[in-house]
């Protein structure tokens, strides 16, 4: 049985060696004392703000664009 229902459609099964934390589309939201990260491009019906919740260490998708900010 395949898990195609849960695969990211923009990832195309290719890992580019980059992480979500380096993408320019990542958005940091604060809720109380906690911080949550969301993708600014990929939409989700499961979150209250309509954005997909991500973790910084997850492999990036096909929509990855390098951030201009120096760390």
C-alpha atoms as a PDB file:
ATOM      1  CA  UNK A   1       0.000   0.000   0.000  1.00  0.00           C
ATOM      2  CA  UNK A   2       1.382   3.371  -0.987  1.00  0.00           C
ATOM      3  CA  UNK A   3       1.402   6.512   1.166  1.00  0.00           C
ATOM      4  CA  UNK A   4       0.905   8.881  -1.767  1.00  0.00           C
ATOM      5  CA  UNK A   5      -1.811  10.681   0.154  1.00  0.00           C
ATOM      6  CA  UNK A   6       0.719  12.069   2.629  1.00  0.00           C
ATOM      7  CA  UNK A   7       3.599  12.888   0.261  1.00  0.00           C
ATOM      8  CA  UNK A   8       4.481  16.532  -0.329  1.00  0.00           C
ATOM      9  CA  UNK A   9       3.406  17.313  -3.910  1.00  0.00           C
ATOM     10  CA  UNK A  10       6.157  19.869  -4.497  1.00  0.00           C
ATOM     11  CA  UNK A  11       8.995  17.685  -3.192  1.00  0.00           C
ATOM     12  CA  UNK A  12       8.985  15.360  -6.234  1.00  0.00           C
ATOM     13  CA  UNK A  13      10.936  12.795  -4.214  1.00  0.00           C
ATOM     14  CA  UNK A  14      14.247  14.607  -4.702  1.00  0.00           C
ATOM     15  CA  UNK A  15      16.464  15.707  -1.826  1.00  0.00           C
ATOM     16  CA  UNK A  16      18.562  18.707  -2.832  1.00  0.00           C
ATOM     17  CA  UNK A  17      20.816  18.718   0.256  1.00  0.00           C
ATOM     18  CA  UNK A  18      19.108  21.790   1.713  1.00  0.00           C
ATOM     19  CA  UNK A  19      16.925  22.281   4.777  1.00  0.00           C
ATOM     20  CA  UNK A  20      13.807  24.383   5.409  1.00  0.00           C
ATOM     21  CA  UNK A  21      15.737  26.589   7.853  1.00  0.00           C
ATOM     22  CA  UNK A  22      17.778  28.024   4.943  1.00  0.00           C
ATOM     23  CA  UNK A  23      14.757  28.930   2.776  1.00  0.00           C
ATOM     24  CA  UNK A  24      13.631  32.531   2.366  1.00  0.00           C
ATOM     25  CA  UNK A  25       9.947  31.529   2.632  1.00  0.00           C
ATOM     26  CA  UNK A  26      10.130  30.348   6.260  1.00  0.00           C
ATOM     27  CA  UNK A  27       7.981  32.330   8.703  1.00  0.00           C
ATOM     28  CA  UNK A  28       8.519  32.375  12.462  1.00  0.00           C
ATOM     29  CA  UNK A  29       5.395  32.766  14.603  1.00  0.00           C
ATOM     30  CA  UNK A  30       5.365  33.229  18.378  1.00  0.00           C
ATOM     31  CA  UNK A  31       2.588  31.797  20.510  1.00  0.00           C
ATOM     32  CA  UNK A  32       3.141  32.584  24.180  1.00  0.00           C
ATOM     33  CA  UNK A  33       6.708  31.522  24.928  1.00  0.00           C
ATOM     34  CA  UNK A  34       6.986  29.083  22.014  1.00  0.00           C
ATOM     35  CA  UNK A  35       8.044  29.647  18.434  1.00  0.00           C
ATOM     36  CA  UNK A  36       6.571  27.777  15.474  1.00  0.00           C
ATOM     37  CA  UNK A  37       7.794  27.758  11.891  1.00  0.00           C
ATOM     38  CA  UNK A  38       5.562  27.837   8.824  1.00  0.00           C
ATOM     39  CA  UNK A  39       6.183  27.716   5.078  1.00  0.00           C
ATOM     40  CA  UNK A  40       5.006  30.909   3.393  1.00  0.00           C
ATOM     41  CA  UNK A  41       4.219  29.186   0.076  1.00  0.00           C
ATOM     42  CA  UNK A  42       2.732  25.762   0.830  1.00  0.00           C
ATOM     43  CA  UNK A  43      -0.855  26.043   2.089  1.00  0.00           C
ATOM     44  CA  UNK A  44      -2.574  23.788   4.626  1.00  0.00           C
ATOM     45  CA  UNK A  45      -6.165  23.418   5.756  1.00  0.00           C
ATOM     46  CA  UNK A  46      -5.023  21.921   9.073  1.00  0.00           C
ATOM     47  CA  UNK A  47      -3.594  25.083  10.657  1.00  0.00           C
ATOM     48  CA  UNK A  48      -5.447  28.178  11.826  1.00  0.00           C
ATOM     49  CA  UNK A  49      -3.360  30.526   9.663  1.00  0.00           C
ATOM     50  CA  UNK A  50      -3.584  28.461   6.445  1.00  0.00           C
ATOM     51  CA  UNK A  51       0.180  27.835   6.199  1.00  0.00           C
ATOM     52  CA  UNK A  52       1.978  24.504   6.414  1.00  0.00           C
ATOM     53  CA  UNK A  53       3.737  23.915   9.739  1.00  0.00           C
ATOM     54  CA  UNK A  54       7.343  22.789   9.229  1.00  0.00           C
ATOM     55  CA  UNK A  55      10.383  21.834  11.225  1.00  0.00           C
ATOM     56  CA  UNK A  56      13.688  23.522  10.469  1.00  0.00           C
ATOM     57  CA  UNK A  57      15.602  20.277  10.015  1.00  0.00           C
ATOM     58  CA  UNK A  58      13.258  18.758   7.415  1.00  0.00           C
ATOM     59  CA  UNK A  59      14.564  18.442   3.861  1.00  0.00           C
ATOM     60  CA  UNK A  60      13.434  21.310   1.668  1.00  0.00           C
ATOM     61  CA  UNK A  61      10.886  20.964  -1.103  1.00  0.00           C
ATOM     62  CA  UNK A  62      11.117  21.860  -4.787  1.00  0.00           C
ATOM     63  CA  UNK A  63      10.076  25.458  -4.008  1.00  0.00           C
ATOM     64  CA  UNK A  64      13.291  26.145  -2.036  1.00  0.00           C
ATOM     65  CA  UNK A  65      14.968  29.520  -2.559  1.00  0.00           C
ATOM     66  CA  UNK A  66      18.171  30.414  -0.721  1.00  0.00           C
ATOM     67  CA  UNK A  67      17.773  33.045   1.997  1.00  0.00           C
ATOM     68  CA  UNK A  68      19.715  36.305   1.592  1.00  0.00           C
ATOM     69  CA  UNK A  69      20.124  36.793   5.360  1.00  0.00           C
ATOM     70  CA  UNK A  70      23.553  36.077   6.825  1.00  0.00           C
ATOM     71  CA  UNK A  71      23.493  33.993  10.011  1.00  0.00           C
END
